[in-house]
Structures are given as C-alpha cells and as structure tokens.
Amino acid sequence: MSNKLNVKKRYIVPAAFFSLYLLNVVYTKIQLISGETSIIRVNDVGEFILLILASLTFVVAMLLAEKDASGHSAE
C-alpha cells in the first residue's frame, strides 16, 4: 500500500503546475468574456515556464515510477 501511495505522491507537483496554468487560462477567458478592461494574468513567458515545469516534473515522475517498476520486477 505504501508503494502505491509513493507513486501517487510523485504526480502532485506536475498536477499543481498544470493546474496553475489551466486556472490562468480559464480565469483570463472569463475576464475577456465579462468585458473587464484590466485583465490580471500571467504573461506569455510565465505561461511557458508553467508548461515547461509541468512537463519536466511529469517526465521525472514517470522515470522514477519506471525505475521502481523495473526494480520490483527484478526481485
């Protein structure tokens, strides 16, 4: 059971980065639809950094999960 819990913990950081990106996109769209003149949003570089961080942390989590899976199959 603890092994399955560790696998799920790996995906918290990538999910957090992706959630921040998604919230920014949705919030900006809501502001545009409502016609607000002062739009509060993350700039393009910030969006790019959020997506890169989400991708990189997800790849690292997948590689660690694969490492654990191959370690358990060798036992």
PDB file of N, CA and C in Angstrom:
ATOM      1  N   MET A   1       0.814  -1.197   0.000  1.00  0.00           N
ATOM      2  CA  MET A   1       0.000   0.000   0.000  1.00  0.00           C
ATOM      3  C   MET A   1       0.858   1.262   0.000  1.00  0.00           C
ATOM      4  N   SER A   2       1.955   1.261   0.768  1.00  0.00           N
ATOM      5  CA  SER A   2       2.802   2.453   0.827  1.00  0.00           C
ATOM      6  C   SER A   2       3.471   2.722  -0.511  1.00  0.00           C
ATOM      7  N   ASN A   3       3.754   1.663  -1.287  1.00  0.00           N
ATOM      8  CA  ASN A   3       4.353   1.858  -2.600  1.00  0.00           C
ATOM      9  C   ASN A   3       3.387   2.575  -3.532  1.00  0.00           C
ATOM     10  N   LYS A   4       2.102   2.200  -3.488  1.00  0.00           N
ATOM     11  CA  LYS A   4       1.114   2.874  -4.324  1.00  0.00           C
ATOM     12  C   LYS A   4       0.949   4.325  -3.893  1.00  0.00           C
ATOM     13  N   LEU A   5       1.069   4.598  -2.611  1.00  0.00           N
ATOM     14  CA  LEU A   5       0.963   5.963  -2.119  1.00  0.00           C
ATOM     15  C   LEU A   5       2.133   6.797  -2.607  1.00  0.00           C
ATOM     16  N   ASN A   6       3.338   6.232  -2.639  1.00  0.00           N
ATOM     17  CA  ASN A   6       4.506   6.950  -3.138  1.00  0.00           C
ATOM     18  C   ASN A   6       4.363   7.274  -4.615  1.00  0.00           C
ATOM     19  N   VAL A   7       3.785   6.377  -5.372  1.00  0.00           N
ATOM     20  CA  VAL A   7       3.585   6.621  -6.797  1.00  0.00           C
ATOM     21  C   VAL A   7       2.634   7.789  -6.993  1.00  0.00           C
ATOM     22  N   LYS A   8       1.591   7.855  -6.210  1.00  0.00           N
ATOM     23  CA  LYS A   8       0.633   8.944  -6.341  1.00  0.00           C
ATOM     24  C   LYS A   8       1.229  10.273  -5.893  1.00  0.00           C
ATOM     25  N   LYS A   9       2.118  10.268  -4.910  1.00  0.00           N
ATOM     26  CA  LYS A   9       2.743  11.497  -4.443  1.00  0.00           C
ATOM     27  C   LYS A   9       3.615  12.125  -5.525  1.00  0.00           C
ATOM     28  N   ARG A  10       4.135  11.317  -6.412  1.00  0.00           N
ATOM     29  CA  ARG A  10       5.012  11.833  -7.464  1.00  0.00           C
ATOM     30  C   ARG A  10       4.294  12.791  -8.396  1.00  0.00           C
ATOM     31  N   TYR A  11       3.016  12.611  -8.540  1.00  0.00           N
ATOM     32  CA  TYR A  11       2.267  13.392  -9.517  1.00  0.00           C
ATOM     33  C   TYR A  11       1.645  14.654  -8.932  1.00  0.00           C
ATOM     34  N   ILE A  12       1.908  14.954  -7.666  1.00  0.00           N
ATOM     35  CA  ILE A  12       1.345  16.147  -7.047  1.00  0.00           C
ATOM     36  C   ILE A  12       1.958  17.411  -7.639  1.00  0.00           C
ATOM     37  N   VAL A  13       3.274  17.446  -7.768  1.00  0.00           N
ATOM     38  CA  VAL A  13       3.947  18.647  -8.284  1.00  0.00           C
ATOM     39  C   VAL A  13       3.572  18.921  -9.743  1.00  0.00           C
ATOM     40  N   PRO A  14       3.636  17.915 -10.647  1.00  0.00           N
ATOM     41  CA  PRO A  14       3.202  18.204 -12.022  1.00  0.00           C
ATOM     42  C   PRO A  14       1.736  18.626 -12.101  1.00  0.00           C
ATOM     43  N   ALA A  15       0.896  18.020 -11.288  1.00  0.00           N
ATOM     44  CA  ALA A  15      -0.525  18.392 -11.290  1.00  0.00           C
ATOM     45  C   ALA A  15      -0.712  19.824 -10.796  1.00  0.00           C
ATOM     46  N   ALA A  16       0.089  20.234  -9.827  1.00  0.00           N
ATOM     47  CA  ALA A  16      -0.012  21.606  -9.312  1.00  0.00           C
ATOM     48  C   ALA A  16       0.402  22.617 -10.376  1.00  0.00           C
ATOM     49  N   PHE A  17       1.511  22.357 -11.072  1.00  0.00           N
ATOM     50  CA  PHE A  17       1.941  23.271 -12.133  1.00  0.00           C
ATOM     51  C   PHE A  17       0.913  23.342 -13.255  1.00  0.00           C
ATOM     52  N   PHE A  18       0.392  22.195 -13.664  1.00  0.00           N
ATOM     53  CA  PHE A  18      -0.594  22.194 -14.739  1.00  0.00           C
ATOM     54  C   PHE A  18      -1.890  22.865 -14.297  1.00  0.00           C
ATOM     55  N   SER A  19      -2.259  22.673 -13.038  1.00  0.00           N
ATOM     56  CA  SER A  19      -3.471  23.320 -12.520  1.00  0.00           C
ATOM     57  C   SER A  19      -3.329  24.838 -12.510  1.00  0.00           C
ATOM     58  N   LEU A  20      -2.146  25.329 -12.139  1.00  0.00           N
ATOM     59  CA  LEU A  20      -1.914  26.770 -12.170  1.00  0.00           C
ATOM     60  C   LEU A  20      -2.037  27.313 -13.588  1.00  0.00           C
ATOM     61  N   TYR A  21      -1.481  26.581 -14.554  1.00  0.00           N
ATOM     62  CA  TYR A  21      -1.596  27.004 -15.946  1.00  0.00           C
ATOM     63  C   TYR A  21      -3.058  27.014 -16.388  1.00  0.00           C
ATOM     64  N   LEU A  22      -3.761  25.950 -16.093  1.00  0.00           N
ATOM     65  CA  LEU A  22      -5.160  25.833 -16.504  1.00  0.00           C
ATOM     66  C   LEU A  22      -6.023  26.911 -15.845  1.00  0.00           C
ATOM     67  N   LEU A  23      -5.795  27.170 -14.570  1.00  0.00           N
ATOM     68  CA  LEU A  23      -6.540  28.227 -13.884  1.00  0.00           C
ATOM     69  C   LEU A  23      -6.276  29.596 -14.506  1.00  0.00           C
ATOM     70  N   ASN A  24      -5.037  29.839 -14.905  1.00  0.00           N
ATOM     71  CA  ASN A  24      -4.710  31.100 -15.553  1.00  0.00           C
ATOM     72  C   ASN A  24      -5.459  31.241 -16.876  1.00  0.00           C
ATOM     73  N   VAL A  25      -5.503  30.192 -17.659  1.00  0.00           N
ATOM     74  CA  VAL A  25      -6.199  30.237 -18.951  1.00  0.00           C
ATOM     75  C   VAL A  25      -7.695  30.460 -18.749  1.00  0.00           C
ATOM     76  N   VAL A  26      -8.285  29.715 -17.837  1.00  0.00           N
ATOM     77  CA  VAL A  26      -9.736  29.827 -17.607  1.00  0.00           C
ATOM     78  C   VAL A  26     -10.080  31.200 -17.036  1.00  0.00           C
ATOM     79  N   TYR A  27      -9.298  31.683 -16.071  1.00  0.00           N
ATOM     80  CA  TYR A  27      -9.563  32.977 -15.451  1.00  0.00           C
ATOM     81  C   TYR A  27      -9.445  34.110 -16.471  1.00  0.00           C
ATOM     82  N   THR A  28      -8.429  34.038 -17.343  1.00  0.00           N
ATOM     83  CA  THR A  28      -8.272  35.050 -18.380  1.00  0.00           C
ATOM     84  C   THR A  28      -9.438  35.020 -19.346  1.00  0.00           C
ATOM     85  N   LYS A  29      -9.897  33.832 -19.716  1.00  0.00           N
ATOM     86  CA  LYS A  29     -11.040  33.724 -20.626  1.00  0.00           C
ATOM     87  C   LYS A  29     -12.303  34.308 -19.990  1.00  0.00           C
ATOM     88  N   ILE A  30     -12.506  34.051 -18.717  1.00  0.00           N
ATOM     89  CA  ILE A  30     -13.668  34.608 -18.018  1.00  0.00           C
ATOM     90  C   ILE A  30     -13.589  36.133 -17.993  1.00  0.00           C
ATOM     91  N   GLN A  31     -12.390  36.666 -17.757  1.00  0.00           N
ATOM     92  CA  GLN A  31     -12.231  38.118 -17.747  1.00  0.00           C
ATOM     93  C   GLN A  31     -12.515  38.712 -19.125  1.00  0.00           C
ATOM     94  N   LEU A  32     -12.069  38.048 -20.186  1.00  0.00           N
ATOM     95  CA  LEU A  32     -12.321  38.551 -21.535  1.00  0.00           C
ATOM     96  C   LEU A  32     -13.799  38.512 -21.882  1.00  0.00           C
ATOM     97  N   ILE A  33     -14.484  37.439 -21.494  1.00  0.00           N
ATOM     98  CA  ILE A  33     -15.917  37.310 -21.793  1.00  0.00           C
ATOM     99  C   ILE A  33     -16.727  38.350 -21.025  1.00  0.00           C
ATOM    100  N   SER A  34     -16.340  38.607 -19.775  1.00  0.00           N
ATOM    101  CA  SER A  34     -17.093  39.563 -18.962  1.00  0.00           C
ATOM    102  C   SER A  34     -16.825  41.006 -19.373  1.00  0.00           C
ATOM    103  N   GLY A  35     -15.817  41.230 -20.192  1.00  0.00           N
ATOM    104  CA  GLY A  35     -15.533  42.567 -20.694  1.00  0.00           C
ATOM    105  C   GLY A  35     -14.735  43.443 -19.757  1.00  0.00           C
ATOM    106  N   GLU A  36     -14.013  42.842 -18.833  1.00  0.00           N
ATOM    107  CA  GLU A  36     -13.187  43.636 -17.928  1.00  0.00           C
ATOM    108  C   GLU A  36     -12.061  44.300 -18.713  1.00  0.00           C
ATOM    109  N   THR A  37     -11.739  45.515 -18.338  1.00  0.00           N
ATOM    110  CA  THR A  37     -10.677  46.230 -19.049  1.00  0.00           C
ATOM    111  C   THR A  37      -9.305  45.936 -18.459  1.00  0.00           C
ATOM    112  N   SER A  38      -9.226  45.747 -17.154  1.00  0.00           N
ATOM    113  CA  SER A  38      -7.938  45.418 -16.535  1.00  0.00           C
ATOM    114  C   SER A  38      -7.871  43.913 -16.336  1.00  0.00           C
ATOM    115  N   ILE A  39      -7.123  43.270 -17.202  1.00  0.00           N
ATOM    116  CA  ILE A  39      -7.020  41.812 -17.142  1.00  0.00           C
ATOM    117  C   ILE A  39      -5.780  41.442 -16.339  1.00  0.00           C
ATOM    118  N   ILE A  40      -6.001  40.648 -15.302  1.00  0.00           N
ATOM    119  CA  ILE A  40      -4.906  40.154 -14.470  1.00  0.00           C
ATOM    120  C   ILE A  40      -4.586  38.740 -14.942  1.00  0.00           C
ATOM    121  N   ARG A  41      -3.371  38.555 -15.416  1.00  0.00           N
ATOM    122  CA  ARG A  41      -2.986  37.240 -15.913  1.00  0.00           C
ATOM    123  C   ARG A  41      -1.480  37.081 -15.877  1.00  0.00           C
ATOM    124  N   VAL A  42      -1.041  35.857 -16.024  1.00  0.00           N
ATOM    125  CA  VAL A  42       0.383  35.566 -16.146  1.00  0.00           C
ATOM    126  C   VAL A  42       0.772  35.874 -17.590  1.00  0.00           C
ATOM    127  N   ASN A  43       1.917  36.504 -17.778  1.00  0.00           N
ATOM    128  CA  ASN A  43       2.326  36.847 -19.134  1.00  0.00           C
ATOM    129  C   ASN A  43       2.740  35.592 -19.914  1.00  0.00           C
ATOM    130  N   ASP A  44       3.079  35.765 -21.178  1.00  0.00           N
ATOM    131  CA  ASP A  44       3.394  34.628 -22.042  1.00  0.00           C
ATOM    132  C   ASP A  44       4.601  33.834 -21.546  1.00  0.00           C
ATOM    133  N   VAL A  45       5.601  34.526 -21.045  1.00  0.00           N
ATOM    134  CA  VAL A  45       6.783  33.835 -20.531  1.00  0.00           C
ATOM    135  C   VAL A  45       6.415  33.010 -19.299  1.00  0.00           C
ATOM    136  N   GLY A  46       5.564  33.558 -18.451  1.00  0.00           N
ATOM    137  CA  GLY A  46       5.119  32.825 -17.270  1.00  0.00           C
ATOM    138  C   GLY A  46       4.330  31.578 -17.629  1.00  0.00           C
ATOM    139  N   GLU A  47       3.462  31.694 -18.649  1.00  0.00           N
ATOM    140  CA  GLU A  47       2.713  30.515 -19.109  1.00  0.00           C
ATOM    141  C   GLU A  47       3.659  29.455 -19.657  1.00  0.00           C
ATOM    142  N   PHE A  48       4.653  29.895 -20.415  1.00  0.00           N
ATOM    143  CA  PHE A  48       5.632  28.966 -20.972  1.00  0.00           C
ATOM    144  C   PHE A  48       6.394  28.253 -19.858  1.00  0.00           C
ATOM    145  N   ILE A  49       6.804  29.012 -18.845  1.00  0.00           N
ATOM    146  CA  ILE A  49       7.546  28.413 -17.732  1.00  0.00           C
ATOM    147  C   ILE A  49       6.664  27.416 -16.975  1.00  0.00           C
ATOM    148  N   LEU A  50       5.390  27.751 -16.772  1.00  0.00           N
ATOM    149  CA  LEU A  50       4.489  26.808 -16.088  1.00  0.00           C
ATOM    150  C   LEU A  50       4.348  25.510 -16.883  1.00  0.00           C
ATOM    151  N   LEU A  51       4.191  25.612 -18.199  1.00  0.00           N
ATOM    152  CA  LEU A  51       4.064  24.404 -19.016  1.00  0.00           C
ATOM    153  C   LEU A  51       5.348  23.587 -19.033  1.00  0.00           C
ATOM    154  N   ILE A  52       6.491  24.256 -19.119  1.00  0.00           N
ATOM    155  CA  ILE A  52       7.774  23.542 -19.104  1.00  0.00           C
ATOM    156  C   ILE A  52       7.969  22.834 -17.764  1.00  0.00           C
ATOM    157  N   LEU A  53       7.675  23.527 -16.666  1.00  0.00           N
ATOM    158  CA  LEU A  53       7.822  22.903 -15.350  1.00  0.00           C
ATOM    159  C   LEU A  53       6.867  21.723 -15.179  1.00  0.00           C
ATOM    160  N   ALA A  54       5.641  21.866 -15.661  1.00  0.00           N
ATOM    161  CA  ALA A  54       4.690  20.758 -15.578  1.00  0.00           C
ATOM    162  C   ALA A  54       5.194  19.566 -16.384  1.00  0.00           C
ATOM    163  N   SER A  55       5.699  19.820 -17.578  1.00  0.00           N
ATOM    164  CA  SER A  55       6.196  18.740 -18.432  1.00  0.00           C
ATOM    165  C   SER A  55       7.418  18.065 -17.822  1.00  0.00           C
ATOM    166  N   LEU A  56       8.368  18.865 -17.369  1.00  0.00           N
ATOM    167  CA  LEU A  56       9.597  18.292 -16.818  1.00  0.00           C
ATOM    168  C   LEU A  56       9.341  17.497 -15.542  1.00  0.00           C
ATOM    169  N   THR A  57       8.520  18.032 -14.653  1.00  0.00           N
ATOM    170  CA  THR A  57       8.252  17.296 -13.418  1.00  0.00           C
ATOM    171  C   THR A  57       7.440  16.029 -13.691  1.00  0.00           C
ATOM    172  N   PHE A  58       6.579  16.058 -14.701  1.00  0.00           N
ATOM    173  CA  PHE A  58       5.836  14.851 -15.065  1.00  0.00           C
ATOM    174  C   PHE A  58       6.777  13.793 -15.638  1.00  0.00           C
ATOM    175  N   VAL A  59       7.709  14.197 -16.473  1.00  0.00           N
ATOM    176  CA  VAL A  59       8.675  13.249 -17.037  1.00  0.00           C
ATOM    177  C   VAL A  59       9.530  12.644 -15.924  1.00  0.00           C
ATOM    178  N   VAL A  60       9.972  13.469 -14.986  1.00  0.00           N
ATOM    179  CA  VAL A  60      10.772  12.954 -13.866  1.00  0.00           C
ATOM    180  C   VAL A  60       9.956  11.965 -13.035  1.00  0.00           C
ATOM    181  N   ALA A  61       8.695  12.288 -12.781  1.00  0.00           N
ATOM    182  CA  ALA A  61       7.839  11.375 -12.014  1.00  0.00           C
ATOM    183  C   ALA A  61       7.650  10.054 -12.749  1.00  0.00           C
ATOM    184  N   MET A  62       7.465  10.120 -14.057  1.00  0.00           N
ATOM    185  CA  MET A  62       7.300   8.886 -14.841  1.00  0.00           C
ATOM    186  C   MET A  62       8.584   8.064 -14.847  1.00  0.00           C
ATOM    187  N   LEU A  63       9.732   8.715 -14.956  1.00  0.00           N
ATOM    188  CA  LEU A  63      11.002   7.989 -14.937  1.00  0.00           C
ATOM    189  C   LEU A  63      11.239   7.325 -13.584  1.00  0.00           C
ATOM    190  N   LEU A  64      10.890   8.018 -12.507  1.00  0.00           N
ATOM    191  CA  LEU A  64      11.027   7.413 -11.182  1.00  0.00           C
ATOM    192  C   LEU A  64      10.065   6.236 -11.006  1.00  0.00           C
ATOM    193  N   ALA A  65       8.865   6.369 -11.525  1.00  0.00           N
ATOM    194  CA  ALA A  65       7.905   5.259 -11.445  1.00  0.00           C
ATOM    195  C   ALA A  65       8.399   4.069 -12.261  1.00  0.00           C
ATOM    196  N   GLU A  66       8.966   4.344 -13.414  1.00  0.00           N
ATOM    197  CA  GLU A  66       9.517   3.261 -14.249  1.00  0.00           C
ATOM    198  C   GLU A  66      10.696   2.594 -13.566  1.00  0.00           C
ATOM    199  N   LYS A  67      11.524   3.368 -12.908  1.00  0.00           N
ATOM    200  CA  LYS A  67      12.669   2.825 -12.167  1.00  0.00           C
ATOM    201  C   LYS A  67      12.185   1.895 -11.057  1.00  0.00           C
ATOM    202  N   ASP A  68      11.176   2.332 -10.311  1.00  0.00           N
ATOM    203  CA  ASP A  68      10.623   1.495  -9.255  1.00  0.00           C
ATOM    204  C   ASP A  68       9.979   0.230  -9.815  1.00  0.00           C
ATOM    205  N   ALA A  69       9.293   0.366 -10.929  1.00  0.00           N
ATOM    206  CA  ALA A  69       8.633  -0.801 -11.523  1.00  0.00           C
ATOM    207  C   ALA A  69       9.646  -1.811 -12.011  1.00  0.00           C
ATOM    208  N   SER A  70      10.719  -1.343 -12.626  1.00  0.00           N
ATOM    209  CA  SER A  70      11.744  -2.284 -13.101  1.00  0.00           C
ATOM    210  C   SER A  70      12.510  -2.883 -11.936  1.00  0.00           C
ATOM    211  N   GLY A  71      12.644  -2.159 -10.837  1.00  0.00           N
ATOM    212  CA  GLY A  71      13.297  -2.688  -9.642  1.00  0.00           C
ATOM    213  C   GLY A  71      12.481  -3.772  -8.984  1.00  0.00           C
ATOM    214  N   HIS A  72      11.152  -3.641  -9.000  1.00  0.00           N
ATOM    215  CA  HIS A  72      10.284  -4.651  -8.403  1.00  0.00           C
ATOM    216  C   HIS A  72      10.157  -5.888  -9.300  1.00  0.00           C
ATOM    217  N   SER A  73      10.266  -5.703 -10.600  1.00  0.00           N
ATOM    218  CA  SER A  73      10.152  -6.859 -11.491  1.00  0.00           C
ATOM    219  C   SER A  73      11.419  -7.711 -11.442  1.00  0.00           C
ATOM    220  N   ALA A  74      12.560  -7.104 -11.065  1.00  0.00           N
ATOM    221  CA  ALA A  74      13.805  -7.864 -10.978  1.00  0.00           C
ATOM    222  C   ALA A  74      13.852  -8.709  -9.707  1.00  0.00           C
ATOM    223  N   GLU A  75      13.047  -8.365  -8.706  1.00  0.00           N
ATOM    224  CA  GLU A  75      13.081  -9.108  -7.434  1.00  0.00           C
ATOM    225  C   GLU A  75      12.394 -10.419  -7.504  1.00  0.00           C
TER     226      GLU A  75
END
